[in-house]
């Protein structure tokens, strides 16, 4: 490491991490979150970041699932969250993102179409639309997702429809 190289670029994990722990400048933290070679150094920077654009970048682009999840936890933009919930390649990141979503249309789409049952179930838990819940209860291929949908049903007509048409509940 050169004389003027920032300490966060150190190959020594602890030195890089400690350097980030002392940082407060958001521009520098953004640089670390995007460019640090050591994953826990990036994670430490993400924990201190407040810039939503940088957090969105990290949530969409970091190669480490847990760093993406940490960035998602700090995001507030529903459009960005919807994009991540629908497109991230890791089901755990999608599930964590679904838990922050409020848009019922996006949640309905995920509850019906995500290929991972746990992500669909997380979306079901946030849904309020009775017809969508009934649809999931009747059509979902995993019983526990359908059961979660039934548990949220309060409309008697929807419950009757599920009782009549669901094959594996």
N, C-alpha and C. Protein backbone atom coordinates (compact mmCIF):
# COMPACT_ATOMS: atom_id res chain seq x y z
N UNK A 1 0.84 -1.18 0.00
CA UNK A 1 0.00 0.00 0.00
C UNK A 1 0.88 1.23 0.00
N UNK A 2 0.58 2.16 -0.91
CA UNK A 2 1.38 3.36 -1.05
C UNK A 2 1.19 4.32 0.09
N UNK A 3 2.03 5.32 0.11
CA UNK A 3 2.01 6.32 1.18
C UNK A 3 0.69 7.08 1.24
N UNK A 4 0.08 7.34 0.06
CA UNK A 4 -1.14 8.12 0.04
C UNK A 4 -2.38 7.30 -0.32
N UNK A 5 -2.27 6.01 -0.23
CA UNK A 5 -3.41 5.14 -0.50
C UNK A 5 -4.32 5.12 0.72
N UNK A 6 -5.63 5.30 0.52
CA UNK A 6 -6.54 5.29 1.67
C UNK A 6 -6.48 3.96 2.43
N UNK A 7 -6.63 4.04 3.74
CA UNK A 7 -6.54 2.84 4.58
C UNK A 7 -7.61 1.81 4.23
N UNK A 8 -8.77 2.25 3.72
CA UNK A 8 -9.84 1.30 3.38
C UNK A 8 -9.45 0.40 2.21
N UNK A 9 -8.40 0.77 1.49
CA UNK A 9 -7.91 -0.06 0.38
C UNK A 9 -6.88 -1.09 0.84
N UNK A 10 -6.58 -1.11 2.11
CA UNK A 10 -5.59 -2.05 2.64
C UNK A 10 -6.01 -3.49 2.37
N UNK A 11 -5.02 -4.34 2.17
CA UNK A 11 -5.29 -5.78 1.99
C UNK A 11 -5.51 -6.46 3.34
N UNK A 12 -5.22 -5.74 4.40
CA UNK A 12 -5.45 -6.27 5.75
C UNK A 12 -6.89 -5.94 6.13
N UNK A 13 -7.69 -6.98 6.29
CA UNK A 13 -9.12 -6.80 6.53
C UNK A 13 -9.43 -5.87 7.71
N UNK A 14 -8.78 -6.11 8.80
CA UNK A 14 -9.09 -5.34 10.01
C UNK A 14 -8.74 -3.86 9.82
N UNK A 15 -7.62 -3.59 9.19
CA UNK A 15 -7.20 -2.20 8.95
C UNK A 15 -8.22 -1.49 8.05
N UNK A 16 -8.64 -2.16 6.99
CA UNK A 16 -9.61 -1.57 6.06
C UNK A 16 -10.94 -1.34 6.77
N UNK A 17 -11.39 -2.33 7.51
CA UNK A 17 -12.66 -2.22 8.25
C UNK A 17 -12.62 -1.07 9.26
N UNK A 18 -11.56 -0.99 10.04
CA UNK A 18 -11.43 0.08 11.04
C UNK A 18 -11.41 1.46 10.40
N UNK A 19 -10.79 1.56 9.24
CA UNK A 19 -10.76 2.84 8.53
C UNK A 19 -12.17 3.28 8.17
N UNK A 20 -12.99 2.34 7.71
CA UNK A 20 -14.37 2.67 7.33
C UNK A 20 -15.19 3.03 8.57
N UNK A 21 -14.96 2.34 9.66
CA UNK A 21 -15.69 2.62 10.90
C UNK A 21 -15.49 4.06 11.36
N UNK A 22 -14.36 4.66 11.01
CA UNK A 22 -14.07 6.04 11.42
C UNK A 22 -14.63 7.07 10.43
N UNK A 23 -15.03 6.62 9.26
CA UNK A 23 -15.49 7.52 8.20
C UNK A 23 -16.87 8.09 8.50
N UNK A 24 -17.09 9.33 8.07
CA UNK A 24 -18.42 9.94 8.15
C UNK A 24 -18.83 10.56 6.82
N UNK A 25 -17.89 10.87 5.96
CA UNK A 25 -18.17 11.51 4.68
C UNK A 25 -18.92 10.55 3.75
N UNK A 26 -20.12 10.94 3.37
CA UNK A 26 -20.98 10.08 2.55
C UNK A 26 -20.38 9.79 1.17
N UNK A 27 -19.67 10.75 0.59
CA UNK A 27 -19.04 10.51 -0.72
C UNK A 27 -17.95 9.45 -0.61
N UNK A 28 -17.18 9.51 0.44
CA UNK A 28 -16.13 8.50 0.64
C UNK A 28 -16.74 7.14 0.94
N UNK A 29 -17.77 7.13 1.76
CA UNK A 29 -18.45 5.87 2.07
C UNK A 29 -19.05 5.25 0.80
N UNK A 30 -19.57 6.09 -0.08
CA UNK A 30 -20.12 5.60 -1.35
C UNK A 30 -19.02 4.95 -2.18
N UNK A 31 -17.88 5.58 -2.21
CA UNK A 31 -16.75 5.05 -2.97
C UNK A 31 -16.35 3.68 -2.40
N UNK A 32 -16.29 3.58 -1.09
CA UNK A 32 -15.92 2.31 -0.44
C UNK A 32 -16.97 1.24 -0.73
N UNK A 33 -18.25 1.60 -0.60
CA UNK A 33 -19.33 0.64 -0.82
C UNK A 33 -19.30 0.07 -2.24
N UNK A 34 -18.88 0.87 -3.19
CA UNK A 34 -18.86 0.44 -4.58
C UNK A 34 -17.56 -0.25 -4.99
N UNK A 35 -16.44 0.13 -4.35
CA UNK A 35 -15.15 -0.28 -4.89
C UNK A 35 -14.25 -1.13 -3.99
N UNK A 36 -14.54 -1.22 -2.72
CA UNK A 36 -13.64 -1.95 -1.83
C UNK A 36 -13.58 -3.42 -2.24
N UNK A 37 -12.41 -3.98 -2.22
CA UNK A 37 -12.22 -5.37 -2.62
C UNK A 37 -12.66 -6.34 -1.51
N UNK A 38 -12.55 -5.91 -0.28
CA UNK A 38 -12.89 -6.79 0.85
C UNK A 38 -14.36 -6.59 1.20
N UNK A 39 -15.11 -7.70 1.22
CA UNK A 39 -16.57 -7.61 1.37
C UNK A 39 -16.99 -6.96 2.69
N UNK A 40 -16.31 -7.27 3.81
CA UNK A 40 -16.77 -6.69 5.08
C UNK A 40 -16.47 -5.19 5.16
N UNK A 41 -15.54 -4.73 4.36
CA UNK A 41 -15.28 -3.29 4.26
C UNK A 41 -16.45 -2.62 3.55
N UNK A 42 -16.92 -3.25 2.46
CA UNK A 42 -18.09 -2.73 1.75
C UNK A 42 -19.32 -2.75 2.66
N UNK A 43 -19.47 -3.84 3.41
CA UNK A 43 -20.62 -3.97 4.32
C UNK A 43 -20.60 -2.87 5.37
N UNK A 44 -19.44 -2.56 5.91
CA UNK A 44 -19.33 -1.50 6.91
C UNK A 44 -19.71 -0.15 6.30
N UNK A 45 -19.33 0.07 5.06
CA UNK A 45 -19.69 1.32 4.39
C UNK A 45 -21.20 1.39 4.16
N UNK A 46 -21.80 0.31 3.71
CA UNK A 46 -23.24 0.28 3.47
C UNK A 46 -24.00 0.58 4.77
N UNK A 47 -23.52 0.05 5.88
CA UNK A 47 -24.19 0.28 7.16
C UNK A 47 -24.23 1.76 7.54
N UNK A 48 -23.30 2.54 7.03
CA UNK A 48 -23.23 3.95 7.37
C UNK A 48 -23.81 4.86 6.28
N UNK A 49 -24.13 4.29 5.14
CA UNK A 49 -24.64 5.09 4.02
C UNK A 49 -26.08 5.54 4.23
N UNK A 50 -26.38 6.73 3.72
CA UNK A 50 -27.76 7.21 3.71
C UNK A 50 -28.22 7.57 2.30
N UNK A 51 -27.30 7.72 1.37
CA UNK A 51 -27.62 8.10 -0.01
C UNK A 51 -28.40 6.98 -0.70
N UNK A 52 -29.67 7.26 -1.02
CA UNK A 52 -30.54 6.24 -1.60
C UNK A 52 -30.07 5.76 -2.97
N UNK A 53 -29.48 6.65 -3.77
CA UNK A 53 -28.98 6.23 -5.08
C UNK A 53 -27.83 5.24 -4.96
N UNK A 54 -26.95 5.50 -4.04
CA UNK A 54 -25.81 4.60 -3.84
C UNK A 54 -26.29 3.27 -3.26
N UNK A 55 -27.21 3.35 -2.31
CA UNK A 55 -27.76 2.12 -1.74
C UNK A 55 -28.46 1.29 -2.81
N UNK A 56 -29.19 1.95 -3.71
CA UNK A 56 -29.85 1.23 -4.81
C UNK A 56 -28.82 0.57 -5.71
N UNK A 57 -27.75 1.28 -6.01
CA UNK A 57 -26.69 0.72 -6.84
C UNK A 57 -26.11 -0.54 -6.19
N UNK A 58 -25.80 -0.44 -4.91
CA UNK A 58 -25.23 -1.58 -4.19
C UNK A 58 -26.23 -2.73 -4.13
N UNK A 59 -27.49 -2.41 -3.85
CA UNK A 59 -28.52 -3.45 -3.75
C UNK A 59 -28.70 -4.21 -5.06
N UNK A 60 -28.48 -3.53 -6.16
CA UNK A 60 -28.65 -4.17 -7.47
C UNK A 60 -27.38 -4.81 -8.01
N UNK A 61 -26.22 -4.38 -7.53
CA UNK A 61 -24.98 -4.77 -8.21
C UNK A 61 -23.94 -5.49 -7.39
N UNK A 62 -24.00 -5.43 -6.07
CA UNK A 62 -22.95 -6.09 -5.29
C UNK A 62 -23.04 -7.61 -5.49
N UNK A 63 -21.91 -8.26 -5.52
CA UNK A 63 -21.88 -9.71 -5.73
C UNK A 63 -22.17 -10.53 -4.49
N UNK A 64 -22.25 -9.90 -3.35
CA UNK A 64 -22.48 -10.61 -2.09
C UNK A 64 -23.92 -10.41 -1.64
N UNK A 65 -24.64 -11.51 -1.50
CA UNK A 65 -26.06 -11.48 -1.12
C UNK A 65 -26.30 -10.65 0.14
N UNK A 66 -25.54 -10.86 1.19
CA UNK A 66 -25.79 -10.17 2.45
C UNK A 66 -25.56 -8.67 2.36
N UNK A 67 -24.66 -8.25 1.50
CA UNK A 67 -24.46 -6.81 1.31
C UNK A 67 -25.66 -6.23 0.56
N UNK A 68 -26.16 -6.95 -0.43
CA UNK A 68 -27.36 -6.49 -1.13
C UNK A 68 -28.53 -6.40 -0.17
N UNK A 69 -28.68 -7.40 0.71
CA UNK A 69 -29.77 -7.37 1.69
C UNK A 69 -29.63 -6.18 2.65
N UNK A 70 -28.41 -5.88 3.06
CA UNK A 70 -28.19 -4.74 3.96
C UNK A 70 -28.55 -3.43 3.27
N UNK A 71 -28.23 -3.33 2.00
CA UNK A 71 -28.60 -2.12 1.25
C UNK A 71 -30.11 -2.03 1.09
N UNK A 72 -30.75 -3.15 0.78
CA UNK A 72 -32.21 -3.18 0.65
C UNK A 72 -32.88 -2.72 1.95
N UNK A 73 -32.35 -3.13 3.07
CA UNK A 73 -32.94 -2.78 4.37
C UNK A 73 -32.99 -1.27 4.59
N UNK A 74 -32.13 -0.54 3.90
CA UNK A 74 -32.08 0.91 4.07
C UNK A 74 -32.79 1.67 2.96
N UNK A 75 -33.26 0.96 1.95
CA UNK A 75 -33.93 1.62 0.82
C UNK A 75 -35.37 1.98 1.17
N UNK A 76 -35.84 3.08 0.59
CA UNK A 76 -37.22 3.50 0.81
C UNK A 76 -38.01 3.65 -0.49
N UNK A 77 -37.33 3.79 -1.61
CA UNK A 77 -37.99 4.02 -2.90
C UNK A 77 -38.70 2.74 -3.35
N UNK A 78 -40.03 2.80 -3.41
CA UNK A 78 -40.83 1.61 -3.74
C UNK A 78 -40.57 1.11 -5.16
N UNK A 79 -40.27 2.00 -6.09
CA UNK A 79 -39.96 1.56 -7.46
C UNK A 79 -38.67 0.76 -7.51
N UNK A 80 -37.67 1.22 -6.80
CA UNK A 80 -36.40 0.50 -6.75
C UNK A 80 -36.60 -0.84 -6.06
N UNK A 81 -37.33 -0.83 -4.96
CA UNK A 81 -37.59 -2.08 -4.23
C UNK A 81 -38.36 -3.07 -5.11
N UNK A 82 -39.34 -2.59 -5.86
CA UNK A 82 -40.11 -3.46 -6.75
C UNK A 82 -39.21 -4.10 -7.80
N UNK A 83 -38.31 -3.30 -8.36
CA UNK A 83 -37.38 -3.81 -9.37
C UNK A 83 -36.50 -4.92 -8.78
N UNK A 84 -35.99 -4.69 -7.60
CA UNK A 84 -35.13 -5.70 -6.96
C UNK A 84 -35.94 -6.94 -6.61
N UNK A 85 -37.14 -6.75 -6.09
CA UNK A 85 -37.99 -7.88 -5.69
C UNK A 85 -38.33 -8.77 -6.89
N UNK A 86 -38.44 -8.18 -8.04
CA UNK A 86 -38.80 -8.95 -9.23
C UNK A 86 -37.59 -9.52 -9.97
N UNK A 87 -36.43 -8.90 -9.80
CA UNK A 87 -35.32 -9.24 -10.69
C UNK A 87 -34.04 -9.78 -10.04
N UNK A 88 -33.90 -9.67 -8.74
CA UNK A 88 -32.66 -10.17 -8.14
C UNK A 88 -32.58 -11.68 -8.33
N UNK A 89 -31.41 -12.17 -8.59
CA UNK A 89 -31.23 -13.59 -8.83
C UNK A 89 -31.25 -14.45 -7.57
N UNK A 90 -31.18 -13.83 -6.41
CA UNK A 90 -31.15 -14.58 -5.17
C UNK A 90 -32.49 -14.46 -4.45
N UNK A 91 -33.09 -15.60 -4.12
CA UNK A 91 -34.42 -15.57 -3.50
C UNK A 91 -34.41 -14.90 -2.13
N UNK A 92 -33.33 -14.99 -1.39
CA UNK A 92 -33.27 -14.37 -0.07
C UNK A 92 -33.30 -12.84 -0.17
N UNK A 93 -32.64 -12.31 -1.18
CA UNK A 93 -32.67 -10.85 -1.40
C UNK A 93 -34.08 -10.45 -1.83
N UNK A 94 -34.69 -11.23 -2.72
CA UNK A 94 -36.07 -10.92 -3.15
C UNK A 94 -37.02 -10.97 -1.96
N UNK A 95 -36.87 -11.97 -1.11
CA UNK A 95 -37.74 -12.10 0.07
C UNK A 95 -37.58 -10.90 1.00
N UNK A 96 -36.34 -10.50 1.27
CA UNK A 96 -36.09 -9.35 2.14
C UNK A 96 -36.67 -8.08 1.54
N UNK A 97 -36.63 -7.98 0.23
CA UNK A 97 -37.16 -6.81 -0.45
C UNK A 97 -38.68 -6.79 -0.40
N UNK A 98 -39.29 -7.93 -0.59
CA UNK A 98 -40.76 -8.03 -0.53
C UNK A 98 -41.27 -7.54 0.82
N UNK A 99 -40.55 -7.81 1.87
CA UNK A 99 -40.96 -7.40 3.21
C UNK A 99 -41.02 -5.88 3.36
N UNK A 100 -40.37 -5.15 2.46
CA UNK A 100 -40.39 -3.68 2.50
C UNK A 100 -41.39 -3.08 1.52
N UNK A 101 -41.96 -3.90 0.66
CA UNK A 101 -42.90 -3.39 -0.35
C UNK A 101 -44.26 -3.06 0.25
N UNK A 102 -44.89 -2.05 -0.32
CA UNK A 102 -46.25 -1.69 0.09
C UNK A 102 -47.22 -1.71 -1.09
N UNK A 103 -46.72 -1.66 -2.30
CA UNK A 103 -47.56 -1.62 -3.51
C UNK A 103 -48.27 -2.96 -3.68
N UNK A 104 -49.59 -2.95 -3.54
CA UNK A 104 -50.38 -4.18 -3.59
C UNK A 104 -50.33 -4.84 -4.96
N UNK A 105 -50.23 -4.06 -6.04
CA UNK A 105 -50.14 -4.66 -7.37
C UNK A 105 -48.84 -5.43 -7.55
N UNK A 106 -47.76 -4.86 -7.08
CA UNK A 106 -46.46 -5.54 -7.17
C UNK A 106 -46.46 -6.79 -6.30
N UNK A 107 -46.99 -6.66 -5.09
CA UNK A 107 -47.07 -7.82 -4.20
C UNK A 107 -47.93 -8.93 -4.80
N UNK A 108 -49.04 -8.57 -5.44
CA UNK A 108 -49.90 -9.57 -6.07
C UNK A 108 -49.16 -10.29 -7.19
N UNK A 109 -48.43 -9.53 -7.99
CA UNK A 109 -47.66 -10.13 -9.08
C UNK A 109 -46.63 -11.12 -8.54
N UNK A 110 -45.94 -10.73 -7.49
CA UNK A 110 -44.91 -11.60 -6.90
C UNK A 110 -45.57 -12.82 -6.25
N UNK A 111 -46.68 -12.62 -5.56
CA UNK A 111 -47.37 -13.74 -4.90
C UNK A 111 -47.83 -14.79 -5.91
N UNK A 112 -48.17 -14.35 -7.10
CA UNK A 112 -48.65 -15.28 -8.12
C UNK A 112 -47.54 -15.84 -9.00
N UNK A 113 -46.43 -15.11 -9.17
CA UNK A 113 -45.49 -15.46 -10.22
C UNK A 113 -44.05 -15.76 -9.83
N UNK A 114 -43.62 -15.40 -8.63
CA UNK A 114 -42.22 -15.67 -8.29
C UNK A 114 -42.01 -17.18 -8.26
N UNK A 115 -40.87 -17.64 -8.72
CA UNK A 115 -40.61 -19.07 -8.78
C UNK A 115 -40.23 -19.67 -7.43
N UNK A 116 -39.93 -18.84 -6.44
CA UNK A 116 -39.53 -19.35 -5.13
C UNK A 116 -40.71 -19.26 -4.16
N UNK A 117 -41.15 -20.38 -3.60
CA UNK A 117 -42.31 -20.38 -2.70
C UNK A 117 -42.17 -19.45 -1.49
N UNK A 118 -40.99 -19.35 -0.90
CA UNK A 118 -40.82 -18.49 0.27
C UNK A 118 -41.01 -17.01 -0.08
N UNK A 119 -40.63 -16.63 -1.29
CA UNK A 119 -40.83 -15.25 -1.73
C UNK A 119 -42.33 -15.01 -1.96
N UNK A 120 -43.00 -15.98 -2.58
CA UNK A 120 -44.45 -15.85 -2.78
C UNK A 120 -45.16 -15.74 -1.43
N UNK A 121 -44.75 -16.55 -0.46
CA UNK A 121 -45.38 -16.51 0.86
C UNK A 121 -45.16 -15.15 1.54
N UNK A 122 -43.96 -14.60 1.41
CA UNK A 122 -43.69 -13.27 1.99
C UNK A 122 -44.61 -12.22 1.37
N UNK A 123 -44.85 -12.33 0.06
CA UNK A 123 -45.76 -11.40 -0.60
C UNK A 123 -47.20 -11.60 -0.12
N UNK A 124 -47.61 -12.85 0.02
CA UNK A 124 -48.96 -13.17 0.50
C UNK A 124 -49.20 -12.54 1.87
N UNK A 125 -48.20 -12.59 2.74
CA UNK A 125 -48.35 -12.04 4.09
C UNK A 125 -48.63 -10.54 4.09
N UNK A 126 -48.27 -9.85 3.01
CA UNK A 126 -48.47 -8.41 2.93
C UNK A 126 -49.68 -8.03 2.10
N UNK A 127 -50.30 -9.00 1.45
CA UNK A 127 -51.46 -8.72 0.60
C UNK A 127 -52.72 -8.48 1.42
N UNK A 128 -53.58 -7.62 0.90
CA UNK A 128 -54.88 -7.39 1.51
C UNK A 128 -56.03 -7.70 0.56
N UNK A 129 -55.75 -7.73 -0.74
CA UNK A 129 -56.78 -7.97 -1.75
C UNK A 129 -57.32 -9.40 -1.63
N UNK A 130 -58.59 -9.51 -1.29
CA UNK A 130 -59.20 -10.81 -1.02
C UNK A 130 -59.27 -11.71 -2.27
N UNK A 131 -59.53 -11.12 -3.42
CA UNK A 131 -59.61 -11.95 -4.63
C UNK A 131 -58.23 -12.49 -5.02
N UNK A 132 -57.20 -11.69 -4.83
CA UNK A 132 -55.84 -12.16 -5.13
C UNK A 132 -55.45 -13.26 -4.14
N UNK A 133 -55.77 -13.07 -2.88
CA UNK A 133 -55.47 -14.09 -1.88
C UNK A 133 -56.19 -15.40 -2.21
N UNK A 134 -57.44 -15.30 -2.63
CA UNK A 134 -58.20 -16.50 -3.00
C UNK A 134 -57.57 -17.18 -4.21
N UNK A 135 -57.16 -16.39 -5.17
CA UNK A 135 -56.50 -16.93 -6.36
C UNK A 135 -55.23 -17.70 -5.99
N UNK A 136 -54.43 -17.12 -5.12
CA UNK A 136 -53.19 -17.78 -4.68
C UNK A 136 -53.54 -19.06 -3.91
N UNK A 137 -54.53 -18.99 -3.05
CA UNK A 137 -54.93 -20.16 -2.26
C UNK A 137 -55.37 -21.32 -3.17
N UNK A 138 -56.04 -20.99 -4.23
CA UNK A 138 -56.54 -22.03 -5.13
C UNK A 138 -55.45 -22.55 -6.06
N UNK A 139 -54.58 -21.69 -6.52
CA UNK A 139 -53.67 -22.05 -7.61
C UNK A 139 -52.22 -22.33 -7.24
N UNK A 140 -51.79 -21.93 -6.05
CA UNK A 140 -50.36 -22.10 -5.75
C UNK A 140 -50.02 -23.57 -5.60
N UNK A 141 -48.88 -23.95 -6.15
CA UNK A 141 -48.47 -25.36 -6.15
C UNK A 141 -47.88 -25.82 -4.82
N UNK A 142 -47.53 -24.90 -3.96
CA UNK A 142 -46.97 -25.26 -2.65
C UNK A 142 -48.03 -25.02 -1.58
N UNK A 143 -48.40 -26.05 -0.88
CA UNK A 143 -49.47 -25.96 0.11
C UNK A 143 -49.29 -24.88 1.13
N UNK A 144 -48.07 -24.67 1.61
CA UNK A 144 -47.87 -23.69 2.68
C UNK A 144 -48.07 -22.26 2.19
N UNK A 145 -47.89 -21.99 0.91
CA UNK A 145 -48.18 -20.67 0.37
C UNK A 145 -49.69 -20.46 0.33
N UNK A 146 -50.40 -21.46 -0.16
CA UNK A 146 -51.86 -21.41 -0.19
C UNK A 146 -52.45 -21.29 1.20
N UNK A 147 -51.87 -22.01 2.17
CA UNK A 147 -52.35 -21.92 3.55
C UNK A 147 -52.16 -20.52 4.11
N UNK A 148 -51.04 -19.89 3.77
CA UNK A 148 -50.80 -18.51 4.23
C UNK A 148 -51.85 -17.57 3.63
N UNK A 149 -52.22 -17.82 2.39
CA UNK A 149 -53.25 -17.00 1.75
C UNK A 149 -54.61 -17.21 2.41
N UNK A 150 -54.95 -18.46 2.69
CA UNK A 150 -56.23 -18.76 3.36
C UNK A 150 -56.28 -18.09 4.73
N UNK A 151 -55.18 -18.08 5.43
CA UNK A 151 -55.14 -17.48 6.77
C UNK A 151 -55.45 -15.98 6.74
N UNK A 152 -55.23 -15.34 5.61
CA UNK A 152 -55.50 -13.89 5.49
C UNK A 152 -56.88 -13.60 4.93
N UNK A 153 -57.58 -14.62 4.48
CA UNK A 153 -58.92 -14.40 3.92
C UNK A 153 -59.94 -14.10 5.01
N UNK A 154 -60.72 -13.06 4.79
CA UNK A 154 -61.79 -12.71 5.72
C UNK A 154 -63.14 -12.68 5.01
N UNK A 155 -63.11 -12.54 3.71
CA UNK A 155 -64.34 -12.49 2.92
C UNK A 155 -64.95 -13.88 2.79
N UNK A 156 -66.18 -14.04 3.22
CA UNK A 156 -66.84 -15.35 3.23
C UNK A 156 -67.01 -15.95 1.83
N UNK A 157 -67.29 -15.12 0.85
CA UNK A 157 -67.43 -15.62 -0.52
C UNK A 157 -66.10 -16.16 -1.05
N UNK A 158 -65.02 -15.46 -0.74
CA UNK A 158 -63.69 -15.92 -1.17
C UNK A 158 -63.34 -17.23 -0.48
N UNK A 159 -63.64 -17.32 0.81
CA UNK A 159 -63.38 -18.56 1.54
C UNK A 159 -64.18 -19.73 0.96
N UNK A 160 -65.43 -19.47 0.61
CA UNK A 160 -66.26 -20.52 0.01
C UNK A 160 -65.70 -20.94 -1.34
N UNK A 161 -65.23 -19.98 -2.12
CA UNK A 161 -64.63 -20.27 -3.43
C UNK A 161 -63.38 -21.15 -3.26
N UNK A 162 -62.57 -20.82 -2.27
CA UNK A 162 -61.36 -21.61 -2.01
C UNK A 162 -61.75 -23.03 -1.58
N UNK A 163 -62.71 -23.13 -0.69
CA UNK A 163 -63.14 -24.45 -0.20
C UNK A 163 -63.64 -25.32 -1.35
N UNK A 164 -64.29 -24.70 -2.30
CA UNK A 164 -64.86 -25.44 -3.41
C UNK A 164 -63.80 -25.80 -4.47
N UNK A 165 -62.81 -24.94 -4.67
CA UNK A 165 -61.91 -25.10 -5.81
C UNK A 165 -60.46 -25.48 -5.51
N UNK A 166 -60.02 -25.32 -4.28
CA UNK A 166 -58.63 -25.66 -3.97
C UNK A 166 -58.50 -27.17 -3.85
N UNK A 167 -57.51 -27.71 -4.52
CA UNK A 167 -57.38 -29.17 -4.54
C UNK A 167 -56.47 -29.72 -3.43
N UNK A 168 -55.50 -28.93 -2.97
CA UNK A 168 -54.55 -29.51 -2.02
C UNK A 168 -54.45 -28.77 -0.70
N UNK A 169 -55.51 -28.11 -0.29
CA UNK A 169 -55.49 -27.45 1.03
C UNK A 169 -56.31 -28.23 2.01
